[in-house]
C-alpha atoms as a PDB file:
ATOM      1  CA  MET A   1      -0.011  -0.191   0.000  1.00  0.00           C
ATOM      2  CA  SER A   2       1.358   3.666  -0.812  1.00  0.00           C
ATOM      3  CA  THR A   3       1.837   6.618   1.277  1.00  0.00           C
ATOM      4  CA  LYS A   4      -0.192   8.088  -0.444  1.00  0.00           C
ATOM      5  CA  THR A   5      -2.927   5.929  -0.122  1.00  0.00           C
ATOM      6  CA  LYS A   6      -2.312   5.360   3.737  1.00  0.00           C
ATOM      7  CA  ILE A   7      -2.323   9.157   3.984  1.00  0.00           C
ATOM      8  CA  ILE A   8      -5.814   9.594   2.666  1.00  0.00           C
ATOM      9  CA  LEU A   9      -7.290   6.337   4.490  1.00  0.00           C
ATOM     10  CA  PHE A  10      -6.179   7.805   7.857  1.00  0.00           C
ATOM     11  CA  GLY A  11      -7.999  11.029   6.863  1.00  0.00           C
ATOM     12  CA  CYS A  12     -11.056   9.352   5.924  1.00  0.00           C
ATOM     13  CA  ALA A  13     -11.213   7.104   8.653  1.00  0.00           C
ATOM     14  CA  PHE A  14     -10.318  10.137  11.052  1.00  0.00           C
ATOM     15  CA  VAL A  15     -13.348  11.898  10.360  1.00  0.00           C
ATOM     16  CA  LEU A  16     -15.726   8.666  10.105  1.00  0.00           C
ATOM     17  CA  GLY A  17     -14.434   7.136  13.820  1.00  0.00           C
ATOM     18  CA  PHE A  18     -17.290   8.304  15.753  1.00  0.00           C
ATOM     19  CA  ALA A  19     -19.354   6.804  13.215  1.00  0.00           C
ATOM     20  CA  ALA A  20     -17.589   3.446  13.349  1.00  0.00           C
ATOM     21  CA  PHE A  21     -16.739   3.205  16.932  1.00  0.00           C
ATOM     22  CA  ALA A  22     -21.116   3.586  17.349  1.00  0.00           C
ATOM     23  CA  SER A  23     -21.454   0.766  14.877  1.00  0.00           C
ATOM     24  CA  ALA A  24     -19.083  -1.506  17.423  1.00  0.00           C
ATOM     25  CA  PHE A  25     -21.623  -1.024  20.161  1.00  0.00           C
ATOM     26  CA  ALA A  26     -24.659  -1.162  18.372  1.00  0.00           C
ATOM     27  CA  GLY A  27     -25.602  -4.572  19.566  1.00  0.00           C
ATOM     28  CA  ASP A  28     -24.714  -3.837  23.381  1.00  0.00           C
ATOM     29  CA  GLU A  29     -26.843  -2.252  25.855  1.00  0.00           C
ATOM     30  CA  VAL A  30     -25.296   1.159  25.601  1.00  0.00           C
ATOM     31  CA  ASP A  31     -27.894   3.095  23.464  1.00  0.00           C
ATOM     32  CA  GLU A  32     -27.381   6.502  24.917  1.00  0.00           C
ATOM     33  CA  ILE A  33     -23.437   6.217  23.957  1.00  0.00           C
ATOM     34  CA  VAL A  34     -24.142   5.699  20.287  1.00  0.00           C
ATOM     35  CA  LYS A  35     -27.328   8.207  20.097  1.00  0.00           C
ATOM     36  CA  LYS A  36     -24.110  10.658  21.357  1.00  0.00           C
ATOM     37  CA  LEU A  37     -21.653   8.956  18.990  1.00  0.00           C
ATOM     38  CA  ARG A  38     -24.108   9.453  16.352  1.00  0.00           C
ATOM     39  CA  GLU A  39     -25.075  12.956  17.273  1.00  0.00           C
ATOM     40  CA  LYS A  40     -21.446  14.243  17.482  1.00  0.00           C
ATOM     41  CA  TYR A  41     -20.367  12.785  13.882  1.00  0.00           C
ATOM     42  CA  GLU A  42     -23.986  14.539  11.905  1.00  0.00           C
ATOM     43  CA  LYS A  43     -22.752  18.120  13.448  1.00  0.00           C
ATOM     44  CA  ILE A  44     -19.066  17.929  12.434  1.00  0.00           C
ATOM     45  CA  GLU A  45     -19.053  20.053   9.254  1.00  0.00           C
ATOM     46  CA  THR A  46     -15.558  21.052   9.301  1.00  0.00           C
ATOM     47  CA  LEU A  47     -11.890  19.139  10.929  1.00  0.00           C
ATOM     48  CA  GLN A  48      -8.893  20.200  11.135  1.00  0.00           C
ATOM     49  CA  ALA A  49      -5.352  18.554  13.310  1.00  0.00           C
ATOM     50  CA  ASP A  50      -2.426  18.251  13.538  1.00  0.00           C
ATOM     51  CA  PHE A  51      -0.753  14.600  13.228  1.00  0.00           C
ATOM     52  CA  VAL A  52       2.020  12.087  13.602  1.00  0.00           C
ATOM     53  CA  GLN A  53       2.307   9.436  11.502  1.00  0.00           C
ATOM     54  CA  THR A  54       4.916   6.522  12.847  1.00  0.00           C
ATOM     55  CA  SER A  55       5.765   3.544  10.386  1.00  0.00           C
ATOM     56  CA  ILE A  56       6.873   0.362  11.635  1.00  0.00           C
ATOM     57  CA  TRP A  57       8.257  -2.189   9.088  1.00  0.00           C
ATOM     58  CA  SER A  58       8.442  -5.715  10.866  1.00  0.00           C
ATOM     59  CA  LEU A  59      10.644  -7.326   8.604  1.00  0.00           C
ATOM     60  CA  ALA A  60      13.703  -4.820   8.614  1.00  0.00           C
ATOM     61  CA  GLY A  61      13.172  -3.515  12.263  1.00  0.00           C
ATOM     62  CA  GLU A  62      12.911  -0.313  11.141  1.00  0.00           C
ATOM     63  CA  GLN A  63      10.630   3.378  12.435  1.00  0.00           C
ATOM     64  CA  HIS A  64      10.318   6.457  10.640  1.00  0.00           C
ATOM     65  CA  GLN A  65       8.009   9.410  12.261  1.00  0.00           C
ATOM     66  CA  SER A  66       7.130  12.365  10.413  1.00  0.00           C
ATOM     67  CA  GLU A  67       4.456  15.131  10.972  1.00  0.00           C
ATOM     68  CA  GLY A  68       1.943  16.887   9.448  1.00  0.00           C
ATOM     69  CA  LYS A  69      -1.598  18.761   9.172  1.00  0.00           C
ATOM     70  CA  ILE A  70      -5.080  17.690   7.884  1.00  0.00           C
ATOM     71  CA  TYR A  71      -7.782  19.651   7.210  1.00  0.00           C
ATOM     72  CA  LEU A  72     -11.150  17.962   6.144  1.00  0.00           C
ATOM     73  CA  ALA A  73     -14.496  19.782   5.397  1.00  0.00           C
ATOM     74  CA  GLU A  74     -17.741  18.313   3.840  1.00  0.00           C
ATOM     75  CA  LYS A  75     -18.404  16.793   0.213  1.00  0.00           C
ATOM     76  CA  ASN A  76     -15.783  15.189   0.327  1.00  0.00           C
ATOM     77  CA  LYS A  77     -12.893  17.979   0.535  1.00  0.00           C
ATOM     78  CA  TYR A  78      -9.812  16.987   2.399  1.00  0.00           C
ATOM     79  CA  ARG A  79      -6.384  18.778   2.400  1.00  0.00           C
ATOM     80  CA  VAL A  80      -2.823  16.649   3.792  1.00  0.00           C
ATOM     81  CA  GLU A  81      -0.062  18.699   4.180  1.00  0.00           C
ATOM     82  CA  THR A  82       3.182  16.664   4.911  1.00  0.00           C
ATOM     83  CA  ASP A  83       7.277  17.662   4.383  1.00  0.00           C
ATOM     84  CA  PRO A  84       7.456  16.252   1.210  1.00  0.00           C
ATOM     85  CA  GLN A  85       3.956  15.851  -0.481  1.00  0.00           C
ATOM     86  CA  LEU A  86       0.558  18.009  -0.486  1.00  0.00           C
ATOM     87  CA  ILE A  87      -2.534  15.917  -1.132  1.00  0.00           C
ATOM     88  CA  ILE A  88      -5.801  18.335  -1.520  1.00  0.00           C
ATOM     89  CA  THR A  89      -9.283  17.832  -3.602  1.00  0.00           C
ATOM     90  CA  ASP A  90     -11.882  20.236  -3.820  1.00  0.00           C
ATOM     91  CA  GLY A  91     -14.705  16.849  -3.942  1.00  0.00           C
ATOM     92  CA  THR A  92     -13.782  16.379  -7.677  1.00  0.00           C
ATOM     93  CA  ILE A  93     -10.550  16.664  -8.904  1.00  0.00           C
ATOM     94  CA  VAL A  94      -7.215  15.240  -7.081  1.00  0.00           C
ATOM     95  CA  TRP A  95      -4.042  17.090  -6.879  1.00  0.00           C
ATOM     96  CA  THR A  96      -0.901  15.299  -5.639  1.00  0.00           C
ATOM     97  CA  PHE A  97       2.097  18.274  -5.082  1.00  0.00           C
ATOM     98  CA  SER A  98       5.571  15.760  -4.841  1.00  0.00           C
ATOM     99  CA  LYS A  99       7.364  18.758  -3.676  1.00  0.00           C
ATOM    100  CA  ASP A 100      11.073  17.227  -3.811  1.00  0.00           C
ATOM    101  CA  ARG A 101      10.320  16.049  -7.540  1.00  0.00           C
ATOM    102  CA  GLU A 102       8.797  19.029  -8.369  1.00  0.00           C
ATOM    103  CA  GLN A 103       5.653  17.240  -9.607  1.00  0.00           C
ATOM    104  CA  VAL A 104       1.691  17.932  -9.620  1.00  0.00           C
ATOM    105  CA  ILE A 105      -0.251  14.825 -10.943  1.00  0.00           C
ATOM    106  CA  ILE A 106      -3.834  16.024 -11.190  1.00  0.00           C
ATOM    107  CA  ASP A 107      -6.407  13.552 -11.221  1.00  0.00           C
ATOM    108  CA  GLU A 108      -9.930  12.583 -10.673  1.00  0.00           C
ATOM    109  CA  LEU A 109     -11.443  11.918  -7.193  1.00  0.00           C
ATOM    110  CA  SER A 110     -13.880   9.521  -8.512  1.00  0.00           C
ATOM    111  CA  LYS A 111     -12.275   7.146 -10.251  1.00  0.00           C
ATOM    112  CA  SER A 112      -9.083   7.119  -8.604  1.00  0.00           C
ATOM    113  CA  LYS A 113      -8.751   3.721  -6.671  1.00  0.00           C
ATOM    114  CA  GLU A 114      -5.765   5.070  -4.543  1.00  0.00           C
ATOM    115  CA  ASN A 115      -8.540   8.208  -2.924  1.00  0.00           C
ATOM    116  CA  PRO A 116     -11.406   6.394  -1.579  1.00  0.00           C
ATOM    117  CA  LEU A 117     -13.983   8.508  -0.728  1.00  0.00           C
ATOM    118  CA  PRO A 118     -15.269   8.953   3.057  1.00  0.00           C
ATOM    119  CA  ARG A 119     -18.727   7.205   2.532  1.00  0.00           C
ATOM    120  CA  ASP A 120     -16.439   4.129   1.230  1.00  0.00           C
ATOM    121  CA  ILE A 121     -14.857   4.216   4.405  1.00  0.00           C
ATOM    122  CA  LEU A 122     -17.474   4.502   6.256  1.00  0.00           C
ATOM    123  CA  LEU A 123     -19.520   1.616   4.177  1.00  0.00           C
ATOM    124  CA  LYS A 124     -16.276  -0.494   4.719  1.00  0.00           C
ATOM    125  CA  TYR A 125     -16.064  -0.154   8.783  1.00  0.00           C
ATOM    126  CA  THR A 126     -19.955  -0.489   9.126  1.00  0.00           C
ATOM    127  CA  LYS A 127     -20.199  -3.484   7.185  1.00  0.00           C
ATOM    128  CA  ASP A 128     -17.118  -5.032   6.611  1.00  0.00           C
ATOM    129  CA  SER A 129     -15.121  -5.135  10.107  1.00  0.00           C
ATOM    130  CA  ARG A 130     -15.906  -6.909  13.191  1.00  0.00           C
ATOM    131  CA  ALA A 131     -15.335  -4.167  16.082  1.00  0.00           C
ATOM    132  CA  VAL A 132     -13.994  -5.305  19.395  1.00  0.00           C
ATOM    133  CA  LEU A 133     -13.908  -3.122  22.926  1.00  0.00           C
ATOM    134  CA  LEU A 134     -10.727  -3.756  24.119  1.00  0.00           C
ATOM    135  CA  GLY A 135     -10.735  -1.256  27.048  1.00  0.00           C
ATOM    136  CA  GLU A 136     -10.570   1.874  29.030  1.00  0.00           C
ATOM    137  CA  ILE A 137      -6.782   3.260  28.713  1.00  0.00           C
ATOM    138  CA  GLU A 138      -5.238   6.783  28.590  1.00  0.00           C
ATOM    139  CA  LEU A 139      -3.049   8.115  25.903  1.00  0.00           C
ATOM    140  CA  GLY A 140      -1.229  11.418  26.430  1.00  0.00           C
ATOM    141  CA  GLY A 141      -2.938  12.026  29.474  1.00  0.00           C
ATOM    142  CA  THR A 142      -6.348  11.759  27.784  1.00  0.00           C
ATOM    143  CA  PRO A 143      -8.771   8.997  29.031  1.00  0.00           C
ATOM    144  CA  CYS A 144     -10.036   6.943  25.974  1.00  0.00           C
ATOM    145  CA  TYR A 145     -11.868   3.786  24.548  1.00  0.00           C
ATOM    146  CA  GLN A 146      -9.753   1.376  22.869  1.00  0.00           C
ATOM    147  CA  ILE A 147     -11.796  -0.545  19.485  1.00  0.00           C
ATOM    148  CA  LYS A 148     -10.168  -2.937  17.633  1.00  0.00           C
ATOM    149  CA  PHE A 149     -11.601  -3.414  14.154  1.00  0.00           C
ATOM    150  CA  GLN A 150     -11.161  -7.129  11.939  1.00  0.00           C
ATOM    151  CA  PRO A 151     -12.102  -7.284   8.479  1.00  0.00           C
ATOM    152  CA  LYS A 152     -14.246 -10.173   7.674  1.00  0.00           C
ATOM    153  CA  ASP A 153     -12.838 -10.888   4.553  1.00  0.00           C
ATOM    154  CA  GLU A 154      -9.419 -12.990   5.367  1.00  0.00           C
ATOM    155  CA  ASN A 155      -7.565 -11.745   2.161  1.00  0.00           C
ATOM    156  CA  SER A 156      -7.510  -7.904   3.100  1.00  0.00           C
ATOM    157  CA  PHE A 157      -3.718  -6.636   3.080  1.00  0.00           C
ATOM    158  CA  ILE A 158      -4.887  -4.507   6.119  1.00  0.00           C
ATOM    159  CA  VAL A 159      -5.784  -6.904   9.663  1.00  0.00           C
ATOM    160  CA  SER A 160      -6.385  -5.003  11.897  1.00  0.00           C
ATOM    161  CA  THR A 161      -7.635  -0.923  12.569  1.00  0.00           C
ATOM    162  CA  THR A 162      -6.947   0.271  16.395  1.00  0.00           C
ATOM    163  CA  VAL A 163      -8.947   3.447  16.978  1.00  0.00           C
ATOM    164  CA  TRP A 164      -8.229   4.957  20.639  1.00  0.00           C
ATOM    165  CA  VAL A 165     -12.094   7.756  20.819  1.00  0.00           C
ATOM    166  CA  SER A 166     -11.451  10.249  23.873  1.00  0.00           C
ATOM    167  CA  LYS A 167     -13.889  10.047  26.209  1.00  0.00           C
ATOM    168  CA  ALA A 168     -14.239  13.400  26.890  1.00  0.00           C
ATOM    169  CA  ASP A 169     -15.511  14.448  23.277  1.00  0.00           C
ATOM    170  CA  TRP A 170     -16.045  11.547  21.455  1.00  0.00           C
ATOM    171  CA  LEU A 171     -12.966  12.250  18.808  1.00  0.00           C
ATOM    172  CA  ALA A 172     -10.555   9.615  17.211  1.00  0.00           C
ATOM    173  CA  ILE A 173      -7.370  10.967  18.874  1.00  0.00           C
ATOM    174  CA  GLN A 174      -4.934   8.047  17.469  1.00  0.00           C
ATOM    175  CA  ILE A 175      -5.269   5.303  14.806  1.00  0.00           C
ATOM    176  CA  GLU A 176      -2.876   2.297  14.109  1.00  0.00           C
ATOM    177  CA  GLN A 177      -3.367  -0.335  11.274  1.00  0.00           C
ATOM    178  CA  GLU A 178      -1.428  -3.612  10.989  1.00  0.00           C
ATOM    179  CA  ASP A 179      -1.023  -5.016   7.762  1.00  0.00           C
ATOM    180  CA  LEU A 180      -0.228  -8.470   6.108  1.00  0.00           C
ATOM    181  CA  ASN A 181       3.440  -7.931   6.408  1.00  0.00           C
ATOM    182  CA  GLU A 182       3.073  -7.622  10.178  1.00  0.00           C
ATOM    183  CA  ASN A 183       3.943  -3.482   9.274  1.00  0.00           C
ATOM    184  CA  LEU A 184       2.286  -1.207  11.619  1.00  0.00           C
ATOM    185  CA  THR A 185       1.248   3.085  10.735  1.00  0.00           C
ATOM    186  CA  ARG A 186       0.014   4.988  13.421  1.00  0.00           C
ATOM    187  CA  TYR A 187      -1.313   8.523  13.678  1.00  0.00           C
ATOM    188  CA  PHE A 188      -1.524  10.680  16.623  1.00  0.00           C
ATOM    189  CA  LEU A 189      -3.741  13.375  16.521  1.00  0.00           C
ATOM    190  CA  LYS A 190      -3.631  16.870  18.379  1.00  0.00           C
ATOM    191  CA  ASN A 191      -4.778  20.558  18.157  1.00  0.00           C
ATOM    192  CA  ILE A 192      -8.214  18.963  17.119  1.00  0.00           C
ATOM    193  CA  VAL A 193     -10.552  21.885  15.975  1.00  0.00           C
ATOM    194  CA  ILE A 194     -14.130  21.015  14.555  1.00  0.00           C
ATOM    195  CA  ASN A 195     -16.357  23.152  12.899  1.00  0.00           C
ATOM    196  CA  SER A 196     -14.243  26.431  12.483  1.00  0.00           C
ATOM    197  CA  PRO A 197     -14.677  28.146   9.068  1.00  0.00           C
ATOM    198  CA  LEU A 198     -12.390  26.552   6.365  1.00  0.00           C
ATOM    199  CA  SER A 199     -11.755  28.628   3.347  1.00  0.00           C
ATOM    200  CA  ASP A 200     -12.239  27.091   0.039  1.00  0.00           C
ATOM    201  CA  SER A 201      -8.838  27.929  -1.178  1.00  0.00           C
ATOM    202  CA  LEU A 202      -7.397  25.136   1.267  1.00  0.00           C
ATOM    203  CA  PHE A 203      -8.950  22.600  -1.106  1.00  0.00           C
ATOM    204  CA  SER A 204      -7.455  23.736  -4.206  1.00  0.00           C
ATOM    205  CA  LEU A 205      -4.097  24.174  -5.712  1.00  0.00           C
ATOM    206  CA  LYS A 206      -2.618  26.856  -6.753  1.00  0.00           C
ATOM    207  CA  ILE A 207       0.214  25.308  -9.401  1.00  0.00           C
ATOM    208  CA  PRO A 208       3.524  26.657  -9.599  1.00  0.00           C
ATOM    209  CA  ALA A 209       4.652  27.476 -13.507  1.00  0.00           C
ATOM    210  CA  SER A 210       8.266  25.658 -12.451  1.00  0.00           C
ATOM    211  CA  VAL A 211       6.643  22.279 -11.512  1.00  0.00           C
ATOM    212  CA  GLU A 212       5.901  19.151 -14.091  1.00  0.00           C
ATOM    213  CA  VAL A 213       2.017  18.889 -14.480  1.00  0.00           C
ATOM    214  CA  VAL A 214       1.206  15.278 -15.487  1.00  0.00           C
ATOM    215  CA  ASP A 215      -2.706  15.174 -15.909  1.00  0.00           C
ATOM    216  CA  LEU A 216      -5.155  11.362 -15.587  1.00  0.00           C
ATOM    217  CA  ARG A 217      -7.873  12.839 -15.720  1.00  0.00           C
END
C-alpha cells in the first residue's frame, strides 16, 4: 500500500471514527453512547488537526516518523500536508504535489482507486469489519476507549485497525493499522478543531509554473 493511500485512508477514517465506533457498540446495551456518538458525527462540518505518523516495518526492524496537518470539510473535501507531499481535493479533482520531485499529478477523485471517498470508508467499517472494545486506556493523559476493527475478508491487506476515542469529546485521537506483513502505521492526532470555518482556497491548488504537471483526467 502506497504512502499516499495510507494518508488518505487515515484522513477519511479519522472523520468517520465516530460512526465506526458507534457501530462497534450497536449490539450492546449502550444506546445512549451510540446516540451521543451519532449526534457528534452528524454535527461535524469541518475538521482540522496536526498529526504524527509513525511507520514500523517489522521485517526490517526500522521505524520512521513524520508530522503533518490535515483539513477536512463536507462534500469530500480534504487537504493533507506533510514535508514531502501535499494532497488536496475539492471533492471532484485530486492534486498530489510532490515537492522533492517538483511534480503535480492531477486526477479525478471518482475514478482514482487510491482515493477512497469517506462514504466508502464508512461502508467498510460498518459492514466489512468486526469491532471489539479492548478496554479503557489513557493516551497522552487523555482517557480513551480502545476499539479494534478486524475485516471479515480474510484476504484483506489490512488485518486490523485500532482506534483510540477520547471519552471527553468522542474524538478519535489515535489510529493504528497493521497489515499482512505485520507492519504498523500509527497516526496520533493533536490540536483538533471541529466546525471552524475553512477557506475554500485550502481545497484547491495553485500550481507553480516551475513544476511538471501530469494530468490523468
